[in-house]
Every structure is written in structure tokens, then in C-alpha cells.
């Protein structure tokens, strides 16, 4: 059964708004964490018949140049292949691992969102920290740290172009 044209137009409009919002959130997350997985995840929301957002294109071009530099280098082939994760931004000093960092972002944000949901239902904050610590087999201090980091990540992801990061830098300059 065909949808009425007005409904179809409204659905397309909302889908476009959702894609735009999701791309903005991934751009904010990438800007604030420098984790390339956010760029790759954002590609899910790009349509094949539309140009890539400029921020995605810029970073793909940077990584393309880094990969070509490996190809043009004097590194033995095995070493060049081993250097690809670094060229793509998936690993960097000191001990950065994009997959591990993204999983930690998810875990911390999950804790923060669960706590926000339960706090809205009236559960006291100290009960939430204890519960998350038990659920994750971590200390209560680690649960509080994860909660705080997750809230910050969530706020930064949702922030617009004048993101919270700039506000933090300004406030730390005056301290």
C-alpha cells in the first residue's frame, strides 16, 4: 500500500533531519576525542548520491596522504603494513587504541545514561554509583569517574558547533 505523498514527504524530511543530527553528533565526538572510529561510524549516515560532509572528507584525505607516505617510504613492506593503524589514526602514542577507547566511551556513556534515567525516577545518586560499581565489577570511585566522563561525553556529543570544549578551555584559563 502506497503512502500518501504528504506522509512520504514528511518521512523524508525527518530522515534527513535525523541524518544531519547524527552526523553533527559524530563530528562533535570526533572533534572532542580525535578517535577515527567516529568518522567511520558517521559514514553510515552518508548517502551515496550526496557529497560527503567536509569534515569527513578532510580527514579521509589526511589519512589517504598518510597511507601514500607509507607506500612511498623506504620501509620494508612488513613494517609499512604494520604502520597502517597508526597512519589511519587507530593507534598513536602513548598507548592509544581507537577500539579500546571507543568501547570505553560506550561503557562510560552507558553508565551516565542509566544513572540519568534512574535519577529521574528518584533513585539517590549514591545508590546509583554503588549499583554501577557492582554491575561492572569496578570500585565506587571508578563508577563515579565513569559517570562523570560519560556525562561529559554525552554533553559534548550533543553540543552544537560552539561546543562545550571551548567553554571548558575558557573557564580553565580564568582559574
N, C-alpha and C. Protein backbone atom coordinates (compact mmCIF):
# COMPACT_ATOMS: atom_id res chain seq x y z
N UNK A 1 0.84 -1.17 0.00
CA UNK A 1 0.00 0.00 0.00
C UNK A 1 0.89 1.25 0.00
N UNK A 2 0.65 2.13 -0.94
CA UNK A 2 1.45 3.34 -1.09
C UNK A 2 1.09 4.36 -0.02
N UNK A 3 2.10 5.07 0.42
CA UNK A 3 1.88 6.13 1.40
C UNK A 3 1.40 7.39 0.67
N UNK A 4 0.55 8.17 1.33
CA UNK A 4 0.16 9.44 0.72
C UNK A 4 1.39 10.33 0.52
N UNK A 5 1.42 11.13 -0.53
CA UNK A 5 2.60 11.96 -0.82
C UNK A 5 3.01 12.87 0.34
N UNK A 6 2.00 13.41 1.08
CA UNK A 6 2.34 14.29 2.20
C UNK A 6 3.10 13.53 3.28
N UNK A 7 2.66 12.31 3.55
CA UNK A 7 3.32 11.48 4.56
C UNK A 7 4.73 11.12 4.09
N UNK A 8 4.86 10.74 2.84
CA UNK A 8 6.16 10.38 2.28
C UNK A 8 7.12 11.58 2.39
N UNK A 9 6.62 12.77 2.06
CA UNK A 9 7.47 13.98 2.14
C UNK A 9 7.89 14.24 3.59
N UNK A 10 6.97 14.07 4.53
CA UNK A 10 7.28 14.29 5.94
C UNK A 10 8.31 13.28 6.44
N UNK A 11 8.15 12.01 6.05
CA UNK A 11 9.11 10.98 6.45
C UNK A 11 10.49 11.26 5.89
N UNK A 12 10.58 11.70 4.66
CA UNK A 12 11.87 12.02 4.05
C UNK A 12 12.51 13.22 4.76
N UNK A 13 11.68 14.22 5.11
CA UNK A 13 12.18 15.40 5.82
C UNK A 13 12.75 14.99 7.18
N UNK A 14 12.03 14.15 7.90
CA UNK A 14 12.50 13.71 9.23
C UNK A 14 13.75 12.84 9.13
N UNK A 15 13.82 11.99 8.12
CA UNK A 15 15.00 11.16 7.93
C UNK A 15 16.22 12.03 7.66
N UNK A 16 16.04 13.08 6.85
CA UNK A 16 17.15 13.99 6.56
C UNK A 16 17.59 14.73 7.82
N UNK A 17 16.63 15.17 8.64
CA UNK A 17 16.96 15.85 9.91
C UNK A 17 17.71 14.91 10.85
N UNK A 18 17.27 13.65 10.91
CA UNK A 18 17.93 12.67 11.77
C UNK A 18 19.35 12.42 11.30
N UNK A 19 19.54 12.25 9.98
CA UNK A 19 20.90 12.05 9.44
C UNK A 19 21.78 13.25 9.77
N UNK A 20 21.25 14.45 9.59
CA UNK A 20 22.03 15.66 9.86
C UNK A 20 22.41 15.74 11.34
N UNK A 21 21.45 15.45 12.23
CA UNK A 21 21.73 15.48 13.68
C UNK A 21 22.77 14.42 14.05
N UNK A 22 22.63 13.21 13.50
CA UNK A 22 23.59 12.14 13.80
C UNK A 22 24.99 12.50 13.30
N UNK A 23 25.07 13.05 12.11
CA UNK A 23 26.38 13.46 11.59
C UNK A 23 27.00 14.54 12.46
N UNK A 24 26.20 15.47 12.95
CA UNK A 24 26.71 16.52 13.84
C UNK A 24 27.23 15.91 15.15
N UNK A 25 26.50 14.94 15.67
CA UNK A 25 26.93 14.29 16.92
C UNK A 25 28.25 13.55 16.72
N UNK A 26 28.39 12.85 15.59
CA UNK A 26 29.65 12.15 15.33
C UNK A 26 30.78 13.15 15.10
N UNK A 27 30.49 14.25 14.44
CA UNK A 27 31.51 15.28 14.25
C UNK A 27 31.97 15.83 15.60
N UNK A 28 31.02 16.12 16.49
CA UNK A 28 31.36 16.60 17.83
C UNK A 28 32.19 15.56 18.57
N UNK A 29 31.78 14.29 18.50
CA UNK A 29 32.52 13.24 19.20
C UNK A 29 33.94 13.12 18.65
N UNK A 30 34.08 13.18 17.33
CA UNK A 30 35.41 13.09 16.74
C UNK A 30 36.25 14.30 17.12
N UNK A 31 35.67 15.49 17.06
CA UNK A 31 36.39 16.71 17.40
C UNK A 31 36.91 16.65 18.83
N UNK A 32 36.10 16.09 19.73
CA UNK A 32 36.46 16.10 21.15
C UNK A 32 37.35 14.93 21.56
N UNK A 33 37.33 13.83 20.82
CA UNK A 33 38.13 12.66 21.21
C UNK A 33 39.27 12.36 20.24
N UNK A 34 39.17 12.85 19.02
CA UNK A 34 40.13 12.54 17.95
C UNK A 34 40.16 11.04 17.62
N UNK A 35 39.10 10.33 17.96
CA UNK A 35 39.03 8.90 17.67
C UNK A 35 38.46 8.71 16.26
N UNK A 36 39.25 8.13 15.33
CA UNK A 36 38.80 8.00 13.95
C UNK A 36 37.59 7.08 13.77
N UNK A 37 37.30 6.25 14.76
CA UNK A 37 36.13 5.39 14.63
C UNK A 37 34.85 6.20 14.50
N UNK A 38 34.82 7.40 15.08
CA UNK A 38 33.63 8.25 14.94
C UNK A 38 33.46 8.70 13.48
N UNK A 39 34.55 8.91 12.76
CA UNK A 39 34.46 9.27 11.34
C UNK A 39 33.89 8.09 10.56
N UNK A 40 34.42 6.90 10.81
CA UNK A 40 33.96 5.71 10.08
C UNK A 40 32.50 5.41 10.42
N UNK A 41 32.11 5.59 11.68
CA UNK A 41 30.71 5.37 12.06
C UNK A 41 29.80 6.39 11.39
N UNK A 42 30.26 7.61 11.26
CA UNK A 42 29.44 8.66 10.63
C UNK A 42 29.12 8.33 9.18
N UNK A 43 29.98 7.57 8.53
CA UNK A 43 29.72 7.20 7.13
C UNK A 43 28.41 6.44 6.96
N UNK A 44 27.94 5.81 8.04
CA UNK A 44 26.65 5.10 7.99
C UNK A 44 25.54 6.06 7.59
N UNK A 45 25.65 7.32 7.98
CA UNK A 45 24.59 8.31 7.75
C UNK A 45 24.80 9.11 6.47
N UNK A 46 25.82 8.78 5.70
CA UNK A 46 26.07 9.46 4.43
C UNK A 46 25.38 8.69 3.32
N UNK A 47 24.75 9.42 2.43
CA UNK A 47 24.05 8.79 1.31
C UNK A 47 24.97 8.74 0.10
N UNK A 48 24.88 7.68 -0.69
CA UNK A 48 25.80 7.53 -1.82
C UNK A 48 25.62 8.60 -2.90
N UNK A 49 24.45 9.20 -2.99
CA UNK A 49 24.22 10.20 -4.04
C UNK A 49 24.38 11.64 -3.53
N UNK A 50 24.95 11.80 -2.31
CA UNK A 50 25.21 13.12 -1.77
C UNK A 50 26.69 13.25 -1.45
N UNK A 51 27.21 14.48 -1.53
CA UNK A 51 28.64 14.66 -1.19
C UNK A 51 28.89 14.34 0.29
N UNK A 52 30.10 13.89 0.56
CA UNK A 52 30.49 13.65 1.95
C UNK A 52 30.54 14.99 2.68
N UNK A 53 30.18 14.99 3.97
CA UNK A 53 30.38 16.22 4.74
C UNK A 53 31.86 16.60 4.71
N UNK A 54 32.13 17.89 4.70
CA UNK A 54 33.51 18.36 4.52
C UNK A 54 34.44 17.85 5.61
N UNK A 55 33.96 17.70 6.86
CA UNK A 55 34.83 17.24 7.94
C UNK A 55 35.25 15.79 7.73
N UNK A 56 34.36 14.97 7.17
CA UNK A 56 34.71 13.57 6.87
C UNK A 56 35.70 13.54 5.71
N UNK A 57 35.41 14.29 4.66
CA UNK A 57 36.29 14.32 3.50
C UNK A 57 37.68 14.78 3.89
N UNK A 58 37.78 15.81 4.72
CA UNK A 58 39.08 16.34 5.13
C UNK A 58 39.91 15.27 5.84
N UNK A 59 39.29 14.54 6.73
CA UNK A 59 40.06 13.53 7.47
C UNK A 59 40.38 12.31 6.62
N UNK A 60 39.50 11.94 5.72
CA UNK A 60 39.82 10.84 4.81
C UNK A 60 41.00 11.23 3.92
N UNK A 61 41.04 12.47 3.49
CA UNK A 61 42.16 12.93 2.66
C UNK A 61 43.46 12.94 3.46
N UNK A 62 43.40 13.36 4.72
CA UNK A 62 44.61 13.34 5.55
C UNK A 62 45.13 11.92 5.68
N UNK A 63 44.22 10.99 5.99
CA UNK A 63 44.64 9.60 6.15
C UNK A 63 45.13 9.02 4.82
N UNK A 64 44.52 9.45 3.73
CA UNK A 64 44.97 8.98 2.41
C UNK A 64 46.42 9.39 2.20
N UNK A 65 46.73 10.65 2.53
CA UNK A 65 48.11 11.13 2.37
C UNK A 65 49.06 10.35 3.28
N UNK A 66 48.64 10.07 4.49
CA UNK A 66 49.49 9.31 5.41
C UNK A 66 49.74 7.90 4.88
N UNK A 67 48.72 7.30 4.27
CA UNK A 67 48.90 5.96 3.68
C UNK A 67 49.84 6.02 2.47
N UNK A 68 49.68 7.03 1.64
CA UNK A 68 50.56 7.16 0.47
C UNK A 68 51.99 7.40 0.92
N UNK A 69 52.17 8.15 2.01
CA UNK A 69 53.52 8.35 2.54
C UNK A 69 54.15 7.01 2.93
N UNK A 70 53.35 6.09 3.46
CA UNK A 70 53.88 4.76 3.79
C UNK A 70 54.31 4.03 2.53
N UNK A 71 53.49 4.11 1.52
CA UNK A 71 53.77 3.43 0.25
C UNK A 71 55.05 4.00 -0.37
N UNK A 72 55.21 5.32 -0.28
CA UNK A 72 56.37 5.98 -0.86
C UNK A 72 57.62 5.87 0.02
N UNK A 73 57.46 5.39 1.25
CA UNK A 73 58.60 5.37 2.17
C UNK A 73 59.56 4.22 1.82
N UNK A 74 60.68 4.25 2.51
CA UNK A 74 61.68 3.20 2.33
C UNK A 74 61.46 2.05 3.31
N UNK A 75 60.34 2.07 4.04
CA UNK A 75 60.07 0.99 4.99
C UNK A 75 59.92 -0.34 4.25
N UNK A 76 60.43 -1.41 4.84
CA UNK A 76 60.16 -2.73 4.27
C UNK A 76 58.64 -2.97 4.28
N UNK A 77 58.10 -3.71 3.32
CA UNK A 77 56.65 -3.92 3.22
C UNK A 77 55.99 -4.36 4.52
N UNK A 78 56.60 -5.27 5.26
CA UNK A 78 56.01 -5.75 6.52
C UNK A 78 55.86 -4.60 7.51
N UNK A 79 56.89 -3.76 7.64
CA UNK A 79 56.84 -2.62 8.56
C UNK A 79 55.82 -1.59 8.09
N UNK A 80 55.71 -1.41 6.77
CA UNK A 80 54.72 -0.47 6.24
C UNK A 80 53.31 -0.94 6.57
N UNK A 81 53.05 -2.23 6.41
CA UNK A 81 51.73 -2.77 6.74
C UNK A 81 51.46 -2.63 8.23
N UNK A 82 52.46 -2.89 9.05
CA UNK A 82 52.30 -2.75 10.50
C UNK A 82 52.04 -1.29 10.91
N UNK A 83 52.45 -0.33 10.08
CA UNK A 83 52.27 1.08 10.40
C UNK A 83 50.90 1.63 9.96
N UNK A 84 50.10 0.83 9.25
CA UNK A 84 48.80 1.31 8.75
C UNK A 84 47.87 1.77 9.88
N UNK A 85 47.73 1.01 10.98
CA UNK A 85 46.83 1.52 12.03
C UNK A 85 47.22 2.91 12.54
N UNK A 86 48.51 3.17 12.62
CA UNK A 86 48.97 4.49 13.06
C UNK A 86 48.65 5.53 11.98
N UNK A 87 48.88 5.19 10.73
CA UNK A 87 48.59 6.13 9.63
C UNK A 87 47.11 6.48 9.58
N UNK A 88 46.26 5.55 9.94
CA UNK A 88 44.81 5.79 9.93
C UNK A 88 44.30 6.39 11.24
N UNK A 89 45.18 6.57 12.22
CA UNK A 89 44.79 7.18 13.48
C UNK A 89 44.23 6.21 14.50
N UNK A 90 44.30 4.90 14.21
CA UNK A 90 43.75 3.91 15.14
C UNK A 90 44.67 3.63 16.32
N UNK A 91 45.93 3.99 16.17
CA UNK A 91 46.84 3.87 17.31
C UNK A 91 47.79 5.05 17.24
N UNK A 92 48.20 5.50 18.40
CA UNK A 92 49.16 6.59 18.49
C UNK A 92 49.73 6.59 19.91
N UNK A 93 50.82 7.30 20.06
CA UNK A 93 51.45 7.37 21.38
C UNK A 93 50.62 8.27 22.27
N UNK A 94 50.61 8.13 23.55
CA UNK A 94 51.12 6.96 24.27
C UNK A 94 50.00 5.93 24.45
N UNK A 95 50.15 4.81 23.86
CA UNK A 95 49.27 3.65 24.04
C UNK A 95 47.82 3.88 23.66
N UNK A 96 47.53 4.76 22.70
CA UNK A 96 46.15 4.96 22.28
C UNK A 96 45.72 3.82 21.36
N UNK A 97 44.56 3.28 21.64
CA UNK A 97 43.96 2.23 20.82
C UNK A 97 42.52 2.68 20.56
N UNK A 98 42.19 2.98 19.31
CA UNK A 98 40.88 3.54 18.97
C UNK A 98 39.73 2.63 19.38
N UNK A 99 39.88 1.33 19.19
CA UNK A 99 38.80 0.40 19.54
C UNK A 99 38.60 0.38 21.05
N UNK A 100 39.68 0.27 21.80
CA UNK A 100 39.57 0.27 23.26
C UNK A 100 38.96 1.58 23.76
N UNK A 101 39.40 2.69 23.19
CA UNK A 101 38.88 4.00 23.61
C UNK A 101 37.39 4.13 23.28
N UNK A 102 36.99 3.64 22.11
CA UNK A 102 35.56 3.74 21.72
C UNK A 102 34.71 2.87 22.63
N UNK A 103 35.21 1.69 22.96
CA UNK A 103 34.47 0.82 23.89
C UNK A 103 34.34 1.48 25.27
N UNK A 104 35.40 2.15 25.70
CA UNK A 104 35.35 2.85 26.99
C UNK A 104 34.36 4.00 26.93
N UNK A 105 34.35 4.73 25.80
CA UNK A 105 33.36 5.80 25.61
C UNK A 105 31.94 5.24 25.75
N UNK A 106 31.69 4.10 25.09
CA UNK A 106 30.36 3.49 25.16
C UNK A 106 30.01 3.07 26.58
N UNK A 107 30.97 2.46 27.27
CA UNK A 107 30.71 1.98 28.63
C UNK A 107 30.42 3.16 29.57
N UNK A 108 31.23 4.21 29.48
CA UNK A 108 31.04 5.36 30.37
C UNK A 108 29.73 6.09 30.06
N UNK A 109 29.42 6.24 28.78
CA UNK A 109 28.17 6.90 28.40
C UNK A 109 26.98 6.06 28.84
N UNK A 110 27.12 4.75 28.74
CA UNK A 110 26.05 3.84 29.18
C UNK A 110 25.78 4.01 30.67
N UNK A 111 26.84 4.09 31.46
CA UNK A 111 26.69 4.31 32.90
C UNK A 111 25.99 5.64 33.16
N UNK A 112 26.44 6.69 32.48
CA UNK A 112 25.86 8.01 32.69
C UNK A 112 24.38 8.04 32.31
N UNK A 113 24.04 7.43 31.16
CA UNK A 113 22.64 7.44 30.72
C UNK A 113 21.76 6.61 31.65
N UNK A 114 22.27 5.46 32.10
CA UNK A 114 21.49 4.64 33.04
C UNK A 114 21.26 5.41 34.34
N UNK A 115 22.30 6.09 34.81
CA UNK A 115 22.15 6.87 36.04
C UNK A 115 21.20 8.05 35.85
N UNK A 116 21.27 8.73 34.69
CA UNK A 116 20.35 9.84 34.43
C UNK A 116 18.91 9.34 34.42
N UNK A 117 18.70 8.19 33.79
CA UNK A 117 17.36 7.62 33.72
C UNK A 117 16.84 7.27 35.11
N UNK A 118 17.67 6.57 35.87
CA UNK A 118 17.24 6.15 37.21
C UNK A 118 17.15 7.32 38.18
N UNK A 119 18.02 8.32 38.03
CA UNK A 119 17.94 9.51 38.89
C UNK A 119 16.62 10.25 38.62
N UNK A 120 16.20 10.25 37.37
CA UNK A 120 14.93 10.87 37.02
C UNK A 120 13.76 10.15 37.66
N UNK A 121 13.96 8.88 38.00
CA UNK A 121 12.91 8.11 38.67
C UNK A 121 13.02 8.23 40.19
N UNK A 122 13.98 9.05 40.67
CA UNK A 122 14.07 9.31 42.11
C UNK A 122 15.09 8.48 42.86
N UNK A 123 15.92 7.71 42.18
CA UNK A 123 16.94 6.92 42.87
C UNK A 123 18.08 7.84 43.32
N UNK A 124 18.47 7.80 44.60
CA UNK A 124 19.56 8.66 45.08
C UNK A 124 20.88 8.35 44.37
N UNK A 125 21.68 9.40 44.14
CA UNK A 125 22.93 9.27 43.39
C UNK A 125 23.89 8.25 44.01
N UNK A 126 24.03 8.21 45.34
CA UNK A 126 24.98 7.28 45.94
C UNK A 126 24.57 5.82 45.71
N UNK A 127 23.27 5.57 45.60
CA UNK A 127 22.82 4.20 45.27
C UNK A 127 23.21 3.83 43.84
N UNK A 128 23.12 4.83 42.95
CA UNK A 128 23.45 4.58 41.54
C UNK A 128 24.91 4.22 41.37
N UNK A 129 25.81 4.95 42.04
CA UNK A 129 27.24 4.67 41.94
C UNK A 129 27.55 3.27 42.46
N UNK A 130 26.94 2.92 43.57
CA UNK A 130 27.16 1.57 44.14
C UNK A 130 26.66 0.50 43.19
N UNK A 131 25.49 0.73 42.61
CA UNK A 131 24.91 -0.26 41.69
C UNK A 131 25.79 -0.44 40.46
N UNK A 132 26.25 0.66 39.87
CA UNK A 132 27.10 0.56 38.66
C UNK A 132 28.43 -0.11 39.00
N UNK A 133 28.97 0.17 40.18
CA UNK A 133 30.23 -0.47 40.59
C UNK A 133 30.05 -1.98 40.66
N UNK A 134 28.95 -2.42 41.26
CA UNK A 134 28.70 -3.87 41.36
C UNK A 134 28.47 -4.48 39.97
N UNK A 135 27.68 -3.82 39.15
CA UNK A 135 27.38 -4.33 37.81
C UNK A 135 28.63 -4.48 36.95
N UNK A 136 29.58 -3.57 37.09
CA UNK A 136 30.76 -3.54 36.23
C UNK A 136 32.00 -4.13 36.90
N UNK A 137 31.85 -4.56 38.14
CA UNK A 137 32.99 -5.09 38.91
C UNK A 137 34.13 -4.07 38.97
N UNK A 138 33.76 -2.85 39.33
CA UNK A 138 34.74 -1.78 39.48
C UNK A 138 34.49 -1.13 40.85
N UNK A 139 35.44 -0.30 41.29
CA UNK A 139 35.27 0.38 42.57
C UNK A 139 34.21 1.48 42.43
N UNK A 140 33.72 1.94 43.55
CA UNK A 140 32.72 3.02 43.51
C UNK A 140 33.35 4.30 42.95
N UNK A 141 34.61 4.55 43.29
CA UNK A 141 35.29 5.73 42.74
C UNK A 141 35.40 5.63 41.21
N UNK A 142 35.71 4.43 40.71
CA UNK A 142 35.78 4.24 39.26
C UNK A 142 34.40 4.44 38.63
N UNK A 143 33.35 4.01 39.30
CA UNK A 143 31.99 4.19 38.78
C UNK A 143 31.64 5.68 38.72
N UNK A 144 32.04 6.43 39.75
CA UNK A 144 31.78 7.87 39.75
C UNK A 144 32.56 8.54 38.63
N UNK A 145 33.84 8.15 38.46
CA UNK A 145 34.65 8.71 37.37
C UNK A 145 34.03 8.40 36.01
N UNK A 146 33.58 7.15 35.83
CA UNK A 146 32.94 6.75 34.57
C UNK A 146 31.66 7.55 34.35
N UNK A 147 30.88 7.72 35.42
CA UNK A 147 29.65 8.52 35.35
C UNK A 147 29.96 9.94 34.88
N UNK A 148 30.95 10.58 35.50
CA UNK A 148 31.31 11.95 35.15
C UNK A 148 31.82 12.05 33.72
N UNK A 149 32.69 11.12 33.32
CA UNK A 149 33.22 11.13 31.96
C UNK A 149 32.10 10.86 30.95
N UNK A 150 31.22 9.91 31.28
CA UNK A 150 30.11 9.60 30.38
C UNK A 150 29.17 10.78 30.20
N UNK A 151 28.90 11.50 31.28
CA UNK A 151 28.05 12.70 31.16
C UNK A 151 28.71 13.75 30.29
N UNK A 152 30.03 13.94 30.48
CA UNK A 152 30.75 14.91 29.67
C UNK A 152 30.73 14.51 28.20
N UNK A 153 30.99 13.22 27.91
CA UNK A 153 30.96 12.74 26.52
C UNK A 153 29.58 12.96 25.90
N UNK A 154 28.54 12.65 26.66
CA UNK A 154 27.18 12.80 26.16
C UNK A 154 26.87 14.26 25.86
N UNK A 155 27.26 15.15 26.76
CA UNK A 155 27.00 16.58 26.55
C UNK A 155 27.80 17.11 25.36
N UNK A 156 29.05 16.68 25.24
CA UNK A 156 29.87 17.14 24.12
C UNK A 156 29.34 16.61 22.80
N UNK A 157 28.85 15.38 22.81
CA UNK A 157 28.30 14.81 21.57
C UNK A 157 27.05 15.57 21.14
N UNK A 158 26.25 15.99 22.10
CA UNK A 158 25.01 16.69 21.80
C UNK A 158 25.21 18.18 21.54
N UNK A 159 26.36 18.72 21.95
CA UNK A 159 26.61 20.15 21.81
C UNK A 159 26.71 20.53 20.34
N UNK A 160 26.34 21.74 20.04
CA UNK A 160 26.43 22.23 18.67
C UNK A 160 27.82 22.71 18.33
N UNK A 161 27.94 23.43 17.21
CA UNK A 161 29.25 23.89 16.77
C UNK A 161 30.02 24.71 17.81
N UNK A 162 29.35 25.50 18.64
CA UNK A 162 30.02 26.21 19.73
C UNK A 162 30.07 25.29 20.92
N UNK A 163 30.85 24.22 20.81
CA UNK A 163 30.78 23.11 21.77
C UNK A 163 31.28 23.46 23.17
N UNK A 164 31.02 22.54 24.08
CA UNK A 164 31.37 22.70 25.49
C UNK A 164 32.87 22.74 25.72
N UNK A 165 33.61 22.15 24.83
CA UNK A 165 35.05 22.07 24.98
C UNK A 165 35.65 23.48 25.05
N UNK A 166 35.16 24.38 24.20
CA UNK A 166 35.65 25.75 24.22
C UNK A 166 35.31 26.41 25.55
N UNK A 167 34.11 26.13 26.08
CA UNK A 167 33.71 26.68 27.38
C UNK A 167 34.64 26.21 28.47
N UNK A 168 35.04 24.91 28.45
CA UNK A 168 35.94 24.37 29.46
C UNK A 168 37.29 25.06 29.37
N UNK A 169 37.78 25.27 28.13
CA UNK A 169 39.09 25.90 27.96
C UNK A 169 39.03 27.31 28.52
N UNK A 170 37.98 28.07 28.21
CA UNK A 170 37.85 29.45 28.70
C UNK A 170 37.79 29.47 30.23
N UNK A 171 37.01 28.58 30.83
CA UNK A 171 36.88 28.59 32.29
C UNK A 171 38.19 28.16 32.95
N UNK A 172 38.95 27.25 32.33
CA UNK A 172 40.21 26.83 32.93
C UNK A 172 41.27 27.93 32.79
N UNK A 173 41.13 28.79 31.78
CA UNK A 173 42.09 29.89 31.62
C UNK A 173 41.93 30.91 32.74
N UNK A 174 40.71 31.04 33.26
CA UNK A 174 40.47 32.04 34.30
C UNK A 174 40.73 31.50 35.69
N UNK A 175 40.96 30.21 35.84
CA UNK A 175 41.19 29.61 37.17
C UNK A 175 42.58 29.91 37.68
